[in-house]
Amino acid sequence: MDIAPFEKSQIRSLDEIITAFKDSTETSKHIAVLELLGLGHSDGSFDKTEDSSIKDFALGIGLSEELYNTLSHDIDSYVTILNDIEAHVFTE
């Protein structure tokens, strides 16, 4: 898959991104964190650096650590289920 080029001038700091999301609805914040967690798992590996960055974002936009841990656990469970389904469907 080709990744479209981007301008380095368009890169925003975590603080800028947090500021942009602070006034979002709670649902939008939850969805953003779930999407980031899913993206973190998309390569088959989710390391401490990814977890730390996403957690910093979640806490920065006003989510509690407890909620972050719940969302992270839910995504972990979802990934496990997807892996199980893949193992059963693609047996060749």
C-alpha atoms as a PDB file:
ATOM      1  CA  MET A   1       0.000   0.000   0.000  1.00  0.00           C
ATOM      2  CA  ASP A   2       1.348   3.400  -0.949  1.00  0.00           C
ATOM      3  CA  ILE A   3       1.240   6.119   1.642  1.00  0.00           C
ATOM      4  CA  ALA A   4       0.544   9.562   0.257  1.00  0.00           C
ATOM      5  CA  PRO A   5       3.301  12.093   0.874  1.00  0.00           C
ATOM      6  CA  PHE A   6       2.660  14.799   3.402  1.00  0.00           C
ATOM      7  CA  GLU A   7       4.154  18.149   4.185  1.00  0.00           C
ATOM      8  CA  LYS A   8       6.254  18.234   7.333  1.00  0.00           C
ATOM      9  CA  SER A   9       4.772  21.652   8.015  1.00  0.00           C
ATOM     10  CA  GLN A  10       1.408  19.909   8.516  1.00  0.00           C
ATOM     11  CA  ILE A  11       2.660  17.811  11.434  1.00  0.00           C
ATOM     12  CA  ARG A  12       1.062  18.950  14.692  1.00  0.00           C
ATOM     13  CA  SER A  13       2.369  18.472  18.197  1.00  0.00           C
ATOM     14  CA  LEU A  14       0.485  16.314  20.651  1.00  0.00           C
ATOM     15  CA  ASP A  15      -0.449  19.467  22.579  1.00  0.00           C
ATOM     16  CA  GLU A  16      -2.015  20.991  19.451  1.00  0.00           C
ATOM     17  CA  ILE A  17      -3.970  17.831  18.765  1.00  0.00           C
ATOM     18  CA  ILE A  18      -5.154  17.665  22.378  1.00  0.00           C
ATOM     19  CA  THR A  19      -6.300  21.282  22.179  1.00  0.00           C
ATOM     20  CA  ALA A  20      -8.272  20.506  19.019  1.00  0.00           C
ATOM     21  CA  PHE A  21     -10.090  17.618  20.747  1.00  0.00           C
ATOM     22  CA  LYS A  22     -10.658  19.132  24.201  1.00  0.00           C
ATOM     23  CA  ASP A  23     -14.043  20.615  23.297  1.00  0.00           C
ATOM     24  CA  SER A  24     -15.253  17.529  21.443  1.00  0.00           C
ATOM     25  CA  THR A  25     -18.145  15.448  22.718  1.00  0.00           C
ATOM     26  CA  GLU A  26     -17.347  12.566  25.025  1.00  0.00           C
ATOM     27  CA  THR A  27     -18.432  10.150  22.318  1.00  0.00           C
ATOM     28  CA  SER A  28     -16.023  11.741  19.833  1.00  0.00           C
ATOM     29  CA  LYS A  29     -13.200  11.488  22.360  1.00  0.00           C
ATOM     30  CA  HIS A  30     -13.960   7.809  22.986  1.00  0.00           C
ATOM     31  CA  ILE A  31     -14.054   7.085  19.255  1.00  0.00           C
ATOM     32  CA  ALA A  32     -10.755   8.917  18.661  1.00  0.00           C
ATOM     33  CA  VAL A  33      -9.023   6.889  21.376  1.00  0.00           C
ATOM     34  CA  LEU A  34     -10.518   3.615  20.136  1.00  0.00           C
ATOM     35  CA  GLU A  35      -9.364   4.409  16.593  1.00  0.00           C
ATOM     36  CA  LEU A  36      -5.849   5.215  17.819  1.00  0.00           C
ATOM     37  CA  LEU A  37      -5.719   2.001  19.836  1.00  0.00           C
ATOM     38  CA  GLY A  38      -6.890   0.028  16.804  1.00  0.00           C
ATOM     39  CA  LEU A  39      -4.294   1.720  14.644  1.00  0.00           C
ATOM     40  CA  GLY A  40      -1.644   0.885  17.226  1.00  0.00           C
ATOM     41  CA  HIS A  41      -2.549  -2.785  16.930  1.00  0.00           C
ATOM     42  CA  SER A  42      -2.830  -2.789  13.138  1.00  0.00           C
ATOM     43  CA  ASP A  43       0.727  -4.002  12.556  1.00  0.00           C
ATOM     44  CA  GLY A  44       0.252  -6.950  14.906  1.00  0.00           C
ATOM     45  CA  SER A  45       2.280  -5.355  17.676  1.00  0.00           C
ATOM     46  CA  PHE A  46       1.366  -2.782  20.326  1.00  0.00           C
ATOM     47  CA  ASP A  47       4.388  -1.564  22.234  1.00  0.00           C
ATOM     48  CA  LYS A  48       4.815   0.586  25.325  1.00  0.00           C
ATOM     49  CA  THR A  49       5.669   3.703  23.301  1.00  0.00           C
ATOM     50  CA  GLU A  50       2.394   3.471  21.381  1.00  0.00           C
ATOM     51  CA  ASP A  51       0.455   2.825  24.567  1.00  0.00           C
ATOM     52  CA  SER A  52       2.116   5.733  26.353  1.00  0.00           C
ATOM     53  CA  SER A  53       1.470   8.196  23.521  1.00  0.00           C
ATOM     54  CA  ILE A  54      -2.179   7.215  23.169  1.00  0.00           C
ATOM     55  CA  LYS A  55      -2.655   7.295  26.934  1.00  0.00           C
ATOM     56  CA  ASP A  56      -1.124  10.794  27.074  1.00  0.00           C
ATOM     57  CA  PHE A  57      -3.578  11.877  24.391  1.00  0.00           C
ATOM     58  CA  ALA A  58      -6.552  10.293  26.193  1.00  0.00           C
ATOM     59  CA  LEU A  59      -5.683  11.876  29.525  1.00  0.00           C
ATOM     60  CA  GLY A  60      -4.931  15.175  27.822  1.00  0.00           C
ATOM     61  CA  ILE A  61      -8.405  15.370  26.287  1.00  0.00           C
ATOM     62  CA  GLY A  62      -9.990  14.703  29.654  1.00  0.00           C
ATOM     63  CA  LEU A  63     -10.592  10.969  29.761  1.00  0.00           C
ATOM     64  CA  SER A  64      -9.842   9.251  33.044  1.00  0.00           C
ATOM     65  CA  GLU A  65      -7.083   6.692  33.367  1.00  0.00           C
ATOM     66  CA  GLU A  66      -9.733   4.151  34.339  1.00  0.00           C
ATOM     67  CA  LEU A  67     -11.678   4.780  31.125  1.00  0.00           C
ATOM     68  CA  TYR A  68      -8.477   4.622  29.062  1.00  0.00           C
ATOM     69  CA  ASN A  69      -7.630   1.264  30.640  1.00  0.00           C
ATOM     70  CA  THR A  70     -11.152  -0.001  29.898  1.00  0.00           C
ATOM     71  CA  LEU A  71     -11.002   1.090  26.247  1.00  0.00           C
ATOM     72  CA  SER A  72      -7.523  -0.395  25.871  1.00  0.00           C
ATOM     73  CA  HIS A  73      -8.694  -3.695  27.381  1.00  0.00           C
ATOM     74  CA  ASP A  74     -11.730  -3.731  25.079  1.00  0.00           C
ATOM     75  CA  ILE A  75      -9.517  -3.263  22.004  1.00  0.00           C
ATOM     76  CA  ASP A  76      -7.179  -6.006  23.246  1.00  0.00           C
ATOM     77  CA  SER A  77     -10.188  -8.324  23.544  1.00  0.00           C
ATOM     78  CA  TYR A  78     -11.437  -7.316  20.099  1.00  0.00           C
ATOM     79  CA  VAL A  79      -8.031  -8.026  18.528  1.00  0.00           C
ATOM     80  CA  THR A  80      -7.938 -11.436  20.217  1.00  0.00           C
ATOM     81  CA  ILE A  81     -11.384 -12.276  18.847  1.00  0.00           C
ATOM     82  CA  LEU A  82     -10.380 -11.150  15.350  1.00  0.00           C
ATOM     83  CA  ASN A  83      -7.253 -13.304  15.513  1.00  0.00           C
ATOM     84  CA  ASP A  84      -9.356 -16.306  16.600  1.00  0.00           C
ATOM     85  CA  ILE A  85     -11.810 -15.763  13.757  1.00  0.00           C
ATOM     86  CA  GLU A  86      -8.965 -15.414  11.263  1.00  0.00           C
ATOM     87  CA  ALA A  87      -7.431 -18.671  12.509  1.00  0.00           C
ATOM     88  CA  HIS A  88     -10.737 -20.501  12.027  1.00  0.00           C
ATOM     89  CA  VAL A  89     -11.628 -19.023   8.656  1.00  0.00           C
ATOM     90  CA  PHE A  90      -8.230 -19.040   6.967  1.00  0.00           C
ATOM     91  CA  THR A  91      -7.091 -22.580   7.704  1.00  0.00           C
ATOM     92  CA  GLU A  92      -5.242 -23.166   4.439  1.00  0.00           C
END
